[in-house]
């Protein structure tokens, strides 16, 4: 078994960290309460703004129009 010195270990760790592909995505999830005639009522989207486009599962988009609390 080959012995590594501390600087070689540090270099290996740096290379692994540099090669690490970490993605991040901001998400705000709510609960669908009802779906009728193309209107979806969702509870729990605290940070949504009027007119904001919302992405649903399957790549479907909708627009926030009524911001009841």
C-alpha atoms as a PDB file:
ATOM      1  CA  UNK A   1       0.000   0.000   0.000  1.00  0.00           C
ATOM      2  CA  UNK A   2       1.349   3.391  -0.993  1.00  0.00           C
ATOM      3  CA  UNK A   3       1.916   5.961   1.730  1.00  0.00           C
ATOM      4  CA  UNK A   4       0.700   9.504   1.052  1.00  0.00           C
ATOM      5  CA  UNK A   5       2.109  12.574   2.692  1.00  0.00           C
ATOM      6  CA  UNK A   6      -0.242  15.257   4.092  1.00  0.00           C
ATOM      7  CA  UNK A   7       0.239  17.639   1.145  1.00  0.00           C
ATOM      8  CA  UNK A   8      -0.753  14.904  -1.327  1.00  0.00           C
ATOM      9  CA  UNK A   9      -3.862  14.165   0.713  1.00  0.00           C
ATOM     10  CA  UNK A  10      -4.743  17.874   0.709  1.00  0.00           C
ATOM     11  CA  UNK A  11      -4.257  18.036  -3.067  1.00  0.00           C
ATOM     12  CA  UNK A  12      -6.514  15.022  -3.601  1.00  0.00           C
ATOM     13  CA  UNK A  13      -9.220  16.538  -1.385  1.00  0.00           C
ATOM     14  CA  UNK A  14      -8.999  19.895  -3.233  1.00  0.00           C
ATOM     15  CA  UNK A  15      -9.308  18.143  -6.600  1.00  0.00           C
ATOM     16  CA  UNK A  16     -12.354  16.200  -5.432  1.00  0.00           C
ATOM     17  CA  UNK A  17     -13.996  19.364  -4.092  1.00  0.00           C
ATOM     18  CA  UNK A  18     -13.273  21.232  -7.350  1.00  0.00           C
ATOM     19  CA  UNK A  19     -14.838  18.390  -9.358  1.00  0.00           C
ATOM     20  CA  UNK A  20     -17.910  18.220  -7.139  1.00  0.00           C
ATOM     21  CA  UNK A  21     -21.047  19.279  -9.014  1.00  0.00           C
ATOM     22  CA  UNK A  22     -23.435  20.755  -6.491  1.00  0.00           C
ATOM     23  CA  UNK A  23     -26.558  22.407  -7.820  1.00  0.00           C
ATOM     24  CA  UNK A  24     -29.068  24.369  -5.830  1.00  0.00           C
ATOM     25  CA  UNK A  25     -32.605  25.394  -6.561  1.00  0.00           C
ATOM     26  CA  UNK A  26     -34.886  27.676  -4.608  1.00  0.00           C
ATOM     27  CA  UNK A  27     -38.236  26.057  -3.979  1.00  0.00           C
ATOM     28  CA  UNK A  28     -41.429  27.204  -2.376  1.00  0.00           C
ATOM     29  CA  UNK A  29     -43.979  24.413  -2.150  1.00  0.00           C
ATOM     30  CA  UNK A  30     -47.665  24.539  -1.360  1.00  0.00           C
ATOM     31  CA  UNK A  31     -50.594  22.153  -1.105  1.00  0.00           C
ATOM     32  CA  UNK A  32     -53.156  21.882  -3.906  1.00  0.00           C
ATOM     33  CA  UNK A  33     -56.600  22.229  -2.315  1.00  0.00           C
ATOM     34  CA  UNK A  34     -58.811  22.088  -5.409  1.00  0.00           C
ATOM     35  CA  UNK A  35     -58.698  22.025  -9.207  1.00  0.00           C
ATOM     36  CA  UNK A  36     -61.782  23.219 -11.134  1.00  0.00           C
ATOM     37  CA  UNK A  37     -62.220  24.697 -14.628  1.00  0.00           C
ATOM     38  CA  UNK A  38     -58.512  25.502 -14.967  1.00  0.00           C
ATOM     39  CA  UNK A  39     -58.367  27.208 -11.573  1.00  0.00           C
ATOM     40  CA  UNK A  40     -56.099  25.705  -8.947  1.00  0.00           C
ATOM     41  CA  UNK A  41     -56.387  26.720  -5.297  1.00  0.00           C
ATOM     42  CA  UNK A  42     -53.127  26.306  -3.404  1.00  0.00           C
ATOM     43  CA  UNK A  43     -52.362  26.891   0.263  1.00  0.00           C
ATOM     44  CA  UNK A  44     -48.875  27.438   1.662  1.00  0.00           C
ATOM     45  CA  UNK A  45     -47.167  29.582  -0.989  1.00  0.00           C
ATOM     46  CA  UNK A  46     -46.207  32.329   1.447  1.00  0.00           C
ATOM     47  CA  UNK A  47     -43.688  34.152  -0.774  1.00  0.00           C
ATOM     48  CA  UNK A  48     -45.614  34.202  -4.070  1.00  0.00           C
ATOM     49  CA  UNK A  49     -46.373  37.588  -5.649  1.00  0.00           C
ATOM     50  CA  UNK A  50     -49.322  38.684  -7.793  1.00  0.00           C
ATOM     51  CA  UNK A  51     -48.703  37.806 -11.446  1.00  0.00           C
ATOM     52  CA  UNK A  52     -45.837  35.437 -10.651  1.00  0.00           C
ATOM     53  CA  UNK A  53     -45.514  32.350 -12.832  1.00  0.00           C
ATOM     54  CA  UNK A  54     -45.771  29.124 -10.835  1.00  0.00           C
ATOM     55  CA  UNK A  55     -44.408  25.822 -12.124  1.00  0.00           C
ATOM     56  CA  UNK A  56     -46.358  22.653 -11.375  1.00  0.00           C
ATOM     57  CA  UNK A  57     -45.228  19.047 -11.742  1.00  0.00           C
ATOM     58  CA  UNK A  58     -44.961  17.966 -15.352  1.00  0.00           C
ATOM     59  CA  UNK A  59     -43.735  21.340 -16.622  1.00  0.00           C
ATOM     60  CA  UNK A  60     -47.160  23.020 -16.449  1.00  0.00           C
ATOM     61  CA  UNK A  61     -47.202  26.728 -15.552  1.00  0.00           C
ATOM     62  CA  UNK A  62     -49.844  28.898 -13.948  1.00  0.00           C
ATOM     63  CA  UNK A  63     -50.108  32.517 -12.831  1.00  0.00           C
ATOM     64  CA  UNK A  64     -50.811  33.712  -9.288  1.00  0.00           C
ATOM     65  CA  UNK A  65     -53.859  35.984  -9.470  1.00  0.00           C
ATOM     66  CA  UNK A  66     -55.581  35.945  -6.086  1.00  0.00           C
ATOM     67  CA  UNK A  67     -53.438  36.184  -2.960  1.00  0.00           C
ATOM     68  CA  UNK A  68     -55.912  35.494  -0.166  1.00  0.00           C
ATOM     69  CA  UNK A  69     -54.550  34.899   3.322  1.00  0.00           C
END
